[in-house]
Amino acid sequence: LTFHAQRVAVEVGGRRLAGIHRTYSEGMPGEALALVGSSGYLEIAVREGSAARALALRPGDPVMLKVLR
């Protein structure tokens, strides 16, 4: 499955994250973002912070990917 990373929305913890970033530095400090990590897995992160704390997330919480048209 391939897609344009900016045409995907990630929904997690009641928030919608726009696109999938290539690096943490593409986000602003404190901004929640999604990216594909070096192991090839989708990561939910907060630049210079904790996504678990900022989004009140726990292991096993659902993550939804939506392809935008």
PDB file of N, CA and C in Angstrom:
ATOM      1  N   LEU A   1       0.856  -1.184   0.000  1.00  0.00           N
ATOM      2  CA  LEU A   1       0.000   0.000   0.000  1.00  0.00           C
ATOM      3  C   LEU A   1       0.893   1.235   0.000  1.00  0.00           C
ATOM      4  N   THR A   2       0.703   2.097  -0.952  1.00  0.00           N
ATOM      5  CA  THR A   2       1.437   3.359  -0.981  1.00  0.00           C
ATOM      6  C   THR A   2       0.446   4.507  -1.060  1.00  0.00           C
ATOM      7  N   PHE A   3       0.838   5.642  -0.534  1.00  0.00           N
ATOM      8  CA  PHE A   3      -0.016   6.819  -0.534  1.00  0.00           C
ATOM      9  C   PHE A   3       0.852   8.037  -0.325  1.00  0.00           C
ATOM     10  N   HIS A   4       0.309   9.181  -0.650  1.00  0.00           N
ATOM     11  CA  HIS A   4       1.007  10.450  -0.428  1.00  0.00           C
ATOM     12  C   HIS A   4       0.826  10.815   1.040  1.00  0.00           C
ATOM     13  N   ALA A   5       1.909  10.966   1.763  1.00  0.00           N
ATOM     14  CA  ALA A   5       1.866  11.167   3.213  1.00  0.00           C
ATOM     15  C   ALA A   5       1.046  12.376   3.639  1.00  0.00           C
ATOM     16  N   GLN A   6       0.957  13.411   2.819  1.00  0.00           N
ATOM     17  CA  GLN A   6       0.186  14.591   3.207  1.00  0.00           C
ATOM     18  C   GLN A   6      -1.304  14.418   2.942  1.00  0.00           C
ATOM     19  N   ARG A   7      -1.696  13.321   2.315  1.00  0.00           N
ATOM     20  CA  ARG A   7      -3.110  13.060   2.057  1.00  0.00           C
ATOM     21  C   ARG A   7      -3.668  12.035   3.033  1.00  0.00           C
ATOM     22  N   VAL A   8      -3.046  11.965   4.185  1.00  0.00           N
ATOM     23  CA  VAL A   8      -3.472  11.050   5.228  1.00  0.00           C
ATOM     24  C   VAL A   8      -3.671  11.848   6.509  1.00  0.00           C
ATOM     25  N   ALA A   9      -4.760  11.559   7.196  1.00  0.00           N
ATOM     26  CA  ALA A   9      -4.976  12.143   8.522  1.00  0.00           C
ATOM     27  C   ALA A   9      -4.904  11.003   9.534  1.00  0.00           C
ATOM     28  N   VAL A  10      -4.288  11.267  10.646  1.00  0.00           N
ATOM     29  CA  VAL A  10      -4.176  10.290  11.721  1.00  0.00           C
ATOM     30  C   VAL A  10      -5.027  10.799  12.874  1.00  0.00           C
ATOM     31  N   GLU A  11      -5.935   9.956  13.356  1.00  0.00           N
ATOM     32  CA  GLU A  11      -6.764  10.329  14.505  1.00  0.00           C
ATOM     33  C   GLU A  11      -6.367   9.464  15.692  1.00  0.00           C
ATOM     34  N   VAL A  12      -6.059  10.134  16.788  1.00  0.00           N
ATOM     35  CA  VAL A  12      -5.632   9.440  18.000  1.00  0.00           C
ATOM     36  C   VAL A  12      -5.932  10.325  19.207  1.00  0.00           C
ATOM     37  N   GLY A  13      -6.431   9.738  20.267  1.00  0.00           N
ATOM     38  CA  GLY A  13      -6.696  10.492  21.488  1.00  0.00           C
ATOM     39  C   GLY A  13      -7.641  11.661  21.292  1.00  0.00           C
ATOM     40  N   GLY A  14      -8.595  11.521  20.370  1.00  0.00           N
ATOM     41  CA  GLY A  14      -9.554  12.599  20.122  1.00  0.00           C
ATOM     42  C   GLY A  14      -8.996  13.755  19.314  1.00  0.00           C
ATOM     43  N   ARG A  15      -7.796  13.595  18.777  1.00  0.00           N
ATOM     44  CA  ARG A  15      -7.165  14.655  17.972  1.00  0.00           C
ATOM     45  C   ARG A  15      -6.898  14.144  16.576  1.00  0.00           C
ATOM     46  N   ARG A  16      -6.926  15.057  15.630  1.00  0.00           N
ATOM     47  CA  ARG A  16      -6.610  14.724  14.242  1.00  0.00           C
ATOM     48  C   ARG A  16      -5.267  15.349  13.891  1.00  0.00           C
ATOM     49  N   LEU A  17      -4.326  14.522  13.475  1.00  0.00           N
ATOM     50  CA  LEU A  17      -2.993  14.975  13.105  1.00  0.00           C
ATOM     51  C   LEU A  17      -2.911  14.990  11.583  1.00  0.00           C
ATOM     52  N   ALA A  18      -2.492  16.091  11.022  1.00  0.00           N
ATOM     53  CA  ALA A  18      -2.442  16.230   9.565  1.00  0.00           C
ATOM     54  C   ALA A  18      -1.176  15.609   9.000  1.00  0.00           C
ATOM     55  N   GLY A  19      -1.335  14.693   8.079  1.00  0.00           N
ATOM     56  CA  GLY A  19      -0.203  14.131   7.359  1.00  0.00           C
ATOM     57  C   GLY A  19       0.693  13.251   8.203  1.00  0.00           C
ATOM     58  N   ILE A  20       1.638  12.651   7.527  1.00  0.00           N
ATOM     59  CA  ILE A  20       2.665  11.852   8.185  1.00  0.00           C
ATOM     60  C   ILE A  20       4.000  12.516   7.869  1.00  0.00           C
ATOM     61  N   HIS A  21       4.684  12.933   8.895  1.00  0.00           N
ATOM     62  CA  HIS A  21       5.940  13.666   8.743  1.00  0.00           C
ATOM     63  C   HIS A  21       7.107  12.716   8.513  1.00  0.00           C
ATOM     64  N   ARG A  22       8.180  13.242   7.970  1.00  0.00           N
ATOM     65  CA  ARG A  22       9.392  12.445   7.746  1.00  0.00           C
ATOM     66  C   ARG A  22      10.308  12.469   8.959  1.00  0.00           C
ATOM     67  N   THR A  23      10.325  13.588   9.687  1.00  0.00           N
ATOM     68  CA  THR A  23      11.215  13.727  10.841  1.00  0.00           C
ATOM     69  C   THR A  23      10.502  14.476  11.966  1.00  0.00           C
ATOM     70  N   TYR A  24      11.013  14.313  13.177  1.00  0.00           N
ATOM     71  CA  TYR A  24      10.469  15.045  14.326  1.00  0.00           C
ATOM     72  C   TYR A  24      10.610  16.551  14.127  1.00  0.00           C
ATOM     73  N   SER A  25      11.681  16.961  13.478  1.00  0.00           N
ATOM     74  CA  SER A  25      11.953  18.394  13.333  1.00  0.00           C
ATOM     75  C   SER A  25      10.959  19.106  12.419  1.00  0.00           C
ATOM     76  N   GLU A  26      10.134  18.365  11.697  1.00  0.00           N
ATOM     77  CA  GLU A  26       9.108  19.002  10.870  1.00  0.00           C
ATOM     78  C   GLU A  26       7.974  19.574  11.717  1.00  0.00           C
ATOM     79  N   GLY A  27       7.864  19.143  12.961  1.00  0.00           N
ATOM     80  CA  GLY A  27       6.846  19.676  13.860  1.00  0.00           C
ATOM     81  C   GLY A  27       7.401  20.819  14.690  1.00  0.00           C
ATOM     82  N   MET A  28       6.511  21.638  15.200  1.00  0.00           N
ATOM     83  CA  MET A  28       6.896  22.715  16.104  1.00  0.00           C
ATOM     84  C   MET A  28       7.049  22.133  17.511  1.00  0.00           C
ATOM     85  N   PRO A  29       7.883  22.729  18.375  1.00  0.00           N
ATOM     86  CA  PRO A  29       7.988  22.238  19.749  1.00  0.00           C
ATOM     87  C   PRO A  29       6.605  22.162  20.405  1.00  0.00           C
ATOM     88  N   GLY A  30       6.311  21.013  21.005  1.00  0.00           N
ATOM     89  CA  GLY A  30       5.023  20.795  21.651  1.00  0.00           C
ATOM     90  C   GLY A  30       3.928  20.306  20.720  1.00  0.00           C
ATOM     91  N   GLU A  31       4.201  20.242  19.419  1.00  0.00           N
ATOM     92  CA  GLU A  31       3.189  19.818  18.441  1.00  0.00           C
ATOM     93  C   GLU A  31       3.131  18.293  18.348  1.00  0.00           C
ATOM     94  N   ALA A  32       1.909  17.758  18.325  1.00  0.00           N
ATOM     95  CA  ALA A  32       1.711  16.329  18.115  1.00  0.00           C
ATOM     96  C   ALA A  32       1.824  16.031  16.626  1.00  0.00           C
ATOM     97  N   LEU A  33       2.503  14.933  16.307  1.00  0.00           N
ATOM     98  CA  LEU A  33       2.666  14.565  14.908  1.00  0.00           C
ATOM     99  C   LEU A  33       2.788  13.057  14.767  1.00  0.00           C
ATOM    100  N   ALA A  34       2.573  12.593  13.546  1.00  0.00           N
ATOM    101  CA  ALA A  34       2.752  11.183  13.211  1.00  0.00           C
ATOM    102  C   ALA A  34       3.912  11.088  12.233  1.00  0.00           C
ATOM    103  N   LEU A  35       4.700  10.027  12.372  1.00  0.00           N
ATOM    104  CA  LEU A  35       5.804   9.798  11.448  1.00  0.00           C
ATOM    105  C   LEU A  35       6.124   8.316  11.426  1.00  0.00           C
ATOM    106  N   VAL A  36       6.827   7.886  10.397  1.00  0.00           N
ATOM    107  CA  VAL A  36       7.283   6.507  10.320  1.00  0.00           C
ATOM    108  C   VAL A  36       8.703   6.486  10.868  1.00  0.00           C
ATOM    109  N   GLY A  37       8.897   5.727  11.938  1.00  0.00           N
ATOM    110  CA  GLY A  37      10.198   5.670  12.601  1.00  0.00           C
ATOM    111  C   GLY A  37      11.196   4.808  11.846  1.00  0.00           C
ATOM    112  N   SER A  38      12.401   4.737  12.353  1.00  0.00           N
ATOM    113  CA  SER A  38      13.486   4.010  11.689  1.00  0.00           C
ATOM    114  C   SER A  38      13.223   2.508  11.598  1.00  0.00           C
ATOM    115  N   SER A  39      12.330   1.981  12.426  1.00  0.00           N
ATOM    116  CA  SER A  39      11.971   0.560  12.358  1.00  0.00           C
ATOM    117  C   SER A  39      10.832   0.295  11.386  1.00  0.00           C
ATOM    118  N   GLY A  40      10.285   1.379  10.795  1.00  0.00           N
ATOM    119  CA  GLY A  40       9.211   1.222   9.816  1.00  0.00           C
ATOM    120  C   GLY A  40       7.811   1.248  10.389  1.00  0.00           C
ATOM    121  N   TYR A  41       7.679   1.525  11.669  1.00  0.00           N
ATOM    122  CA  TYR A  41       6.370   1.580  12.312  1.00  0.00           C
ATOM    123  C   TYR A  41       5.874   3.018  12.408  1.00  0.00           C
ATOM    124  N   LEU A  42       4.553   3.172  12.361  1.00  0.00           N
ATOM    125  CA  LEU A  42       3.954   4.486  12.563  1.00  0.00           C
ATOM    126  C   LEU A  42       4.151   4.886  14.023  1.00  0.00           C
ATOM    127  N   GLU A  43       4.662   6.083  14.244  1.00  0.00           N
ATOM    128  CA  GLU A  43       4.863   6.601  15.597  1.00  0.00           C
ATOM    129  C   GLU A  43       4.007   7.833  15.806  1.00  0.00           C
ATOM    130  N   ILE A  44       3.452   7.953  16.987  1.00  0.00           N
ATOM    131  CA  ILE A  44       2.743   9.155  17.408  1.00  0.00           C
ATOM    132  C   ILE A  44       3.678   9.839  18.394  1.00  0.00           C
ATOM    133  N   ALA A  45       3.992  11.090  18.148  1.00  0.00           N
ATOM    134  CA  ALA A  45       4.997  11.784  18.952  1.00  0.00           C
ATOM    135  C   ALA A  45       4.575  13.222  19.210  1.00  0.00           C
ATOM    136  N   VAL A  46       5.227  13.820  20.178  1.00  0.00           N
ATOM    137  CA  VAL A  46       5.134  15.258  20.417  1.00  0.00           C
ATOM    138  C   VAL A  46       6.568  15.758  20.406  1.00  0.00           C
ATOM    139  N   ARG A  47       6.832  16.705  19.533  1.00  0.00           N
ATOM    140  CA  ARG A  47       8.204  17.212  19.458  1.00  0.00           C
ATOM    141  C   ARG A  47       8.598  17.829  20.791  1.00  0.00           C
ATOM    142  N   GLU A  48       9.726  17.381  21.297  1.00  0.00           N
ATOM    143  CA  GLU A  48      10.271  17.848  22.575  1.00  0.00           C
ATOM    144  C   GLU A  48       9.295  17.623  23.730  1.00  0.00           C
ATOM    145  N   GLY A  49       8.509  16.538  23.646  1.00  0.00           N
ATOM    146  CA  GLY A  49       7.553  16.250  24.701  1.00  0.00           C
ATOM    147  C   GLY A  49       7.133  14.790  24.677  1.00  0.00           C
ATOM    148  N   SER A  50       6.068  14.498  25.389  1.00  0.00           N
ATOM    149  CA  SER A  50       5.546  13.143  25.505  1.00  0.00           C
ATOM    150  C   SER A  50       4.151  13.073  24.892  1.00  0.00           C
ATOM    151  N   ALA A  51       3.983  12.245  23.868  1.00  0.00           N
ATOM    152  CA  ALA A  51       2.661  12.066  23.266  1.00  0.00           C
ATOM    153  C   ALA A  51       1.719  11.403  24.268  1.00  0.00           C
ATOM    154  N   ALA A  52       2.242  10.486  25.074  1.00  0.00           N
ATOM    155  CA  ALA A  52       1.405   9.821  26.074  1.00  0.00           C
ATOM    156  C   ALA A  52       0.790  10.844  27.025  1.00  0.00           C
ATOM    157  N   ARG A  53       1.592  11.791  27.480  1.00  0.00           N
ATOM    158  CA  ARG A  53       1.080  12.820  28.395  1.00  0.00           C
ATOM    159  C   ARG A  53       0.210  13.846  27.679  1.00  0.00           C
ATOM    160  N   ALA A  54       0.692  14.356  26.558  1.00  0.00           N
ATOM    161  CA  ALA A  54      -0.015  15.437  25.860  1.00  0.00           C
ATOM    162  C   ALA A  54      -1.370  14.995  25.316  1.00  0.00           C
ATOM    163  N   LEU A  55      -1.470  13.735  24.894  1.00  0.00           N
ATOM    164  CA  LEU A  55      -2.710  13.243  24.291  1.00  0.00           C
ATOM    165  C   LEU A  55      -3.452  12.265  25.196  1.00  0.00           C
ATOM    166  N   ALA A  56      -2.957  12.070  26.414  1.00  0.00           N
ATOM    167  CA  ALA A  56      -3.554  11.131  27.371  1.00  0.00           C
ATOM    168  C   ALA A  56      -3.693   9.744  26.741  1.00  0.00           C
ATOM    169  N   LEU A  57      -2.585   9.239  26.172  1.00  0.00           N
ATOM    170  CA  LEU A  57      -2.591   7.949  25.487  1.00  0.00           C
ATOM    171  C   LEU A  57      -1.989   6.858  26.358  1.00  0.00           C
ATOM    172  N   ARG A  58      -2.478   5.635  26.101  1.00  0.00           N
ATOM    173  CA  ARG A  58      -1.928   4.453  26.753  1.00  0.00           C
ATOM    174  C   ARG A  58      -1.701   3.381  25.700  1.00  0.00           C
ATOM    175  N   PRO A  59      -0.815   2.435  25.959  1.00  0.00           N
ATOM    176  CA  PRO A  59      -0.619   1.337  25.009  1.00  0.00           C
ATOM    177  C   PRO A  59      -1.952   0.660  24.699  1.00  0.00           C
ATOM    178  N   GLY A  60      -2.183   0.399  23.429  1.00  0.00           N
ATOM    179  CA  GLY A  60      -3.419  -0.250  23.006  1.00  0.00           C
ATOM    180  C   GLY A  60      -4.521   0.699  22.584  1.00  0.00           C
ATOM    181  N   ASP A  61      -4.348   2.010  22.832  1.00  0.00           N
ATOM    182  CA  ASP A  61      -5.358   2.969  22.377  1.00  0.00           C
ATOM    183  C   ASP A  61      -5.438   2.926  20.853  1.00  0.00           C
ATOM    184  N   PRO A  62      -6.645   3.083  20.301  1.00  0.00           N
ATOM    185  CA  PRO A  62      -6.790   3.002  18.845  1.00  0.00           C
ATOM    186  C   PRO A  62      -6.177   4.194  18.116  1.00  0.00           C
ATOM    187  N   VAL A  63      -5.663   3.907  16.941  1.00  0.00           N
ATOM    188  CA  VAL A  63      -5.131   4.920  16.026  1.00  0.00           C
ATOM    189  C   VAL A  63      -5.826   4.687  14.692  1.00  0.00           C
ATOM    190  N   MET A  64      -6.434   5.731  14.133  1.00  0.00           N
ATOM    191  CA  MET A  64      -7.144   5.594  12.873  1.00  0.00           C
ATOM    192  C   MET A  64      -6.439   6.393  11.786  1.00  0.00           C
ATOM    193  N   LEU A  65      -6.222   5.758  10.646  1.00  0.00           N
ATOM    194  CA  LEU A  65      -5.657   6.433   9.479  1.00  0.00           C
ATOM    195  C   LEU A  65      -6.778   6.681   8.485  1.00  0.00           C
ATOM    196  N   LYS A  66      -6.871   7.900   7.996  1.00  0.00           N
ATOM    197  CA  LYS A  66      -7.877   8.238   6.994  1.00  0.00           C
ATOM    198  C   LYS A  66      -7.182   8.799   5.769  1.00  0.00           C
ATOM    199  N   VAL A  67      -7.491   8.223   4.617  1.00  0.00           N
ATOM    200  CA  VAL A  67      -6.951   8.727   3.361  1.00  0.00           C
ATOM    201  C   VAL A  67      -7.856   9.855   2.894  1.00  0.00           C
ATOM    202  N   LEU A  68      -7.276  11.029   2.684  1.00  0.00           N
ATOM    203  CA  LEU A  68      -8.034  12.205   2.259  1.00  0.00           C
ATOM    204  C   LEU A  68      -8.028  12.283   0.744  1.00  0.00           C
ATOM    205  N   ARG A  69      -9.102  12.772   0.196  1.00  0.00           N
ATOM    206  CA  ARG A  69      -9.196  12.898  -1.271  1.00  0.00           C
ATOM    207  C   ARG A  69      -9.065  14.318  -1.699  1.00  0.00           C
TER     208      ARG A  69
END
